[in-house]
Amino acid sequence: MYVGFMKKNTYKLAITIILLLMLLNTVIAAEKTS
């Protein structure tokens, strides 16, 4: 049960980090083009 909980949280955390990195790259690209 505990391990499954940890895996689920790690999965969510990984998705959150990826989305934040994508957002950051978009902001950086927008800053460069303007």
PDB file of N, CA and C in Angstrom:
ATOM      1  N   MET A   1       0.839  -1.200   0.000  1.00  0.00           N
ATOM      2  CA  MET A   1       0.000   0.000   0.000  1.00  0.00           C
ATOM      3  C   MET A   1       0.878   1.256   0.000  1.00  0.00           C
ATOM      4  N   TYR A   2       1.834   1.300   0.918  1.00  0.00           N
ATOM      5  CA  TYR A   2       2.700   2.473   1.023  1.00  0.00           C
ATOM      6  C   TYR A   2       3.538   2.673  -0.250  1.00  0.00           C
ATOM      7  N   VAL A   3       4.065   1.563  -0.775  1.00  0.00           N
ATOM      8  CA  VAL A   3       4.887   1.642  -1.986  1.00  0.00           C
ATOM      9  C   VAL A   3       4.049   2.153  -3.150  1.00  0.00           C
ATOM     10  N   GLY A   4       2.827   1.648  -3.264  1.00  0.00           N
ATOM     11  CA  GLY A   4       1.935   2.099  -4.334  1.00  0.00           C
ATOM     12  C   GLY A   4       1.651   3.584  -4.226  1.00  0.00           C
ATOM     13  N   PHE A   5       1.468   4.049  -2.995  1.00  0.00           N
ATOM     14  CA  PHE A   5       1.228   5.469  -2.739  1.00  0.00           C
ATOM     15  C   PHE A   5       2.432   6.298  -3.195  1.00  0.00           C
ATOM     16  N   MET A   6       3.622   5.818  -2.882  1.00  0.00           N
ATOM     17  CA  MET A   6       4.845   6.518  -3.271  1.00  0.00           C
ATOM     18  C   MET A   6       4.986   6.567  -4.784  1.00  0.00           C
ATOM     19  N   LYS A   7       4.688   5.438  -5.446  1.00  0.00           N
ATOM     20  CA  LYS A   7       4.789   5.398  -6.905  1.00  0.00           C
ATOM     21  C   LYS A   7       3.831   6.392  -7.540  1.00  0.00           C
ATOM     22  N   LYS A   8       2.604   6.443  -7.021  1.00  0.00           N
ATOM     23  CA  LYS A   8       1.601   7.343  -7.575  1.00  0.00           C
ATOM     24  C   LYS A   8       2.054   8.799  -7.414  1.00  0.00           C
ATOM     25  N   ASN A   9       2.603   9.113  -6.250  1.00  0.00           N
ATOM     26  CA  ASN A   9       3.074  10.479  -6.011  1.00  0.00           C
ATOM     27  C   ASN A   9       4.277  10.821  -6.890  1.00  0.00           C
ATOM     28  N   THR A  10       5.179   9.867  -7.072  1.00  0.00           N
ATOM     29  CA  THR A  10       6.346  10.089  -7.924  1.00  0.00           C
ATOM     30  C   THR A  10       5.903  10.346  -9.356  1.00  0.00           C
ATOM     31  N   TYR A  11       4.900   9.593  -9.823  1.00  0.00           N
ATOM     32  CA  TYR A  11       4.351   9.745 -11.161  1.00  0.00           C
ATOM     33  C   TYR A  11       3.769  11.146 -11.336  1.00  0.00           C
ATOM     34  N   LYS A  12       2.989  11.590 -10.346  1.00  0.00           N
ATOM     35  CA  LYS A  12       2.391  12.932 -10.400  1.00  0.00           C
ATOM     36  C   LYS A  12       3.485  13.996 -10.372  1.00  0.00           C
ATOM     37  N   LEU A  13       4.479  13.793  -9.526  1.00  0.00           N
ATOM     38  CA  LEU A  13       5.576  14.749  -9.399  1.00  0.00           C
ATOM     39  C   LEU A  13       6.348  14.861 -10.719  1.00  0.00           C
ATOM     40  N   ALA A  14       6.606  13.729 -11.361  1.00  0.00           N
ATOM     41  CA  ALA A  14       7.316  13.732 -12.636  1.00  0.00           C
ATOM     42  C   ALA A  14       6.534  14.511 -13.691  1.00  0.00           C
ATOM     43  N   ILE A  15       5.224  14.303 -13.757  1.00  0.00           N
ATOM     44  CA  ILE A  15       4.385  15.023 -14.719  1.00  0.00           C
ATOM     45  C   ILE A  15       4.424  16.525 -14.426  1.00  0.00           C
ATOM     46  N   THR A  16       4.341  16.878 -13.158  1.00  0.00           N
ATOM     47  CA  THR A  16       4.372  18.293 -12.777  1.00  0.00           C
ATOM     48  C   THR A  16       5.688  18.937 -13.195  1.00  0.00           C
ATOM     49  N   ILE A  17       6.802  18.249 -12.956  1.00  0.00           N
ATOM     50  CA  ILE A  17       8.118  18.774 -13.321  1.00  0.00           C
ATOM     51  C   ILE A  17       8.225  18.953 -14.832  1.00  0.00           C
ATOM     52  N   ILE A  18       7.762  17.954 -15.600  1.00  0.00           N
ATOM     53  CA  ILE A  18       7.804  18.035 -17.064  1.00  0.00           C
ATOM     54  C   ILE A  18       6.980  19.213 -17.563  1.00  0.00           C
ATOM     55  N   LEU A  19       5.772  19.381 -17.010  1.00  0.00           N
ATOM     56  CA  LEU A  19       4.918  20.499 -17.422  1.00  0.00           C
ATOM     57  C   LEU A  19       5.576  21.829 -17.090  1.00  0.00           C
ATOM     58  N   LEU A  20       6.197  21.931 -15.922  1.00  0.00           N
ATOM     59  CA  LEU A  20       6.875  23.173 -15.542  1.00  0.00           C
ATOM     60  C   LEU A  20       8.052  23.460 -16.467  1.00  0.00           C
ATOM     61  N   LEU A  21       8.806  22.443 -16.829  1.00  0.00           N
ATOM     62  CA  LEU A  21       9.934  22.629 -17.743  1.00  0.00           C
ATOM     63  C   LEU A  21       9.452  23.080 -19.121  1.00  0.00           C
ATOM     64  N   MET A  22       8.356  22.491 -19.595  1.00  0.00           N
ATOM     65  CA  MET A  22       7.783  22.887 -20.885  1.00  0.00           C
ATOM     66  C   MET A  22       7.342  24.348 -20.839  1.00  0.00           C
ATOM     67  N   LEU A  23       6.691  24.726 -19.747  1.00  0.00           N
ATOM     68  CA  LEU A  23       6.239  26.106 -19.571  1.00  0.00           C
ATOM     69  C   LEU A  23       7.436  27.055 -19.542  1.00  0.00           C
ATOM     70  N   LEU A  24       8.475  26.675 -18.822  1.00  0.00           N
ATOM     71  CA  LEU A  24       9.680  27.486 -18.736  1.00  0.00           C
ATOM     72  C   LEU A  24      10.322  27.655 -20.117  1.00  0.00           C
ATOM     73  N   ASN A  25      10.414  26.581 -20.893  1.00  0.00           N
ATOM     74  CA  ASN A  25      10.969  26.656 -22.245  1.00  0.00           C
ATOM     75  C   ASN A  25      10.144  27.577 -23.127  1.00  0.00           C
ATOM     76  N   THR A  26       8.819  27.533 -22.986  1.00  0.00           N
ATOM     77  CA  THR A  26       7.943  28.410 -23.764  1.00  0.00           C
ATOM     78  C   THR A  26       8.201  29.870 -23.416  1.00  0.00           C
ATOM     79  N   VAL A  27       8.332  30.148 -22.123  1.00  0.00           N
ATOM     80  CA  VAL A  27       8.608  31.526 -21.668  1.00  0.00           C
ATOM     81  C   VAL A  27       9.951  32.003 -22.195  1.00  0.00           C
ATOM     82  N   ILE A  28      10.967  31.166 -22.118  1.00  0.00           N
ATOM     83  CA  ILE A  28      12.304  31.531 -22.598  1.00  0.00           C
ATOM     84  C   ILE A  28      12.269  31.797 -24.107  1.00  0.00           C
ATOM     85  N   ALA A  29      11.582  30.952 -24.849  1.00  0.00           N
ATOM     86  CA  ALA A  29      11.471  31.130 -26.300  1.00  0.00           C
ATOM     87  C   ALA A  29      10.763  32.443 -26.623  1.00  0.00           C
ATOM     88  N   ALA A  30       9.703  32.754 -25.877  1.00  0.00           N
ATOM     89  CA  ALA A  30       8.956  33.991 -26.089  1.00  0.00           C
ATOM     90  C   ALA A  30       9.841  35.206 -25.775  1.00  0.00           C
ATOM     91  N   GLU A  31      10.645  35.094 -24.740  1.00  0.00           N
ATOM     92  CA  GLU A  31      11.549  36.194 -24.373  1.00  0.00           C
ATOM     93  C   GLU A  31      12.592  36.430 -25.467  1.00  0.00           C
ATOM     94  N   LYS A  32      13.110  35.363 -26.049  1.00  0.00           N
ATOM     95  CA  LYS A  32      14.137  35.486 -27.095  1.00  0.00           C
ATOM     96  C   LYS A  32      13.562  36.108 -28.366  1.00  0.00           C
ATOM     97  N   THR A  33      12.363  35.692 -28.753  1.00  0.00           N
ATOM     98  CA  THR A  33      11.780  36.174 -30.005  1.00  0.00           C
ATOM     99  C   THR A  33      11.366  37.635 -29.911  1.00  0.00           C
ATOM    100  N   SER A  34      10.922  38.093 -28.748  1.00  0.00           N
ATOM    101  CA  SER A  34      10.446  39.472 -28.610  1.00  0.00           C
ATOM    102  C   SER A  34      11.612  40.459 -28.512  1.00  0.00           C
TER     103      SER A  34
END
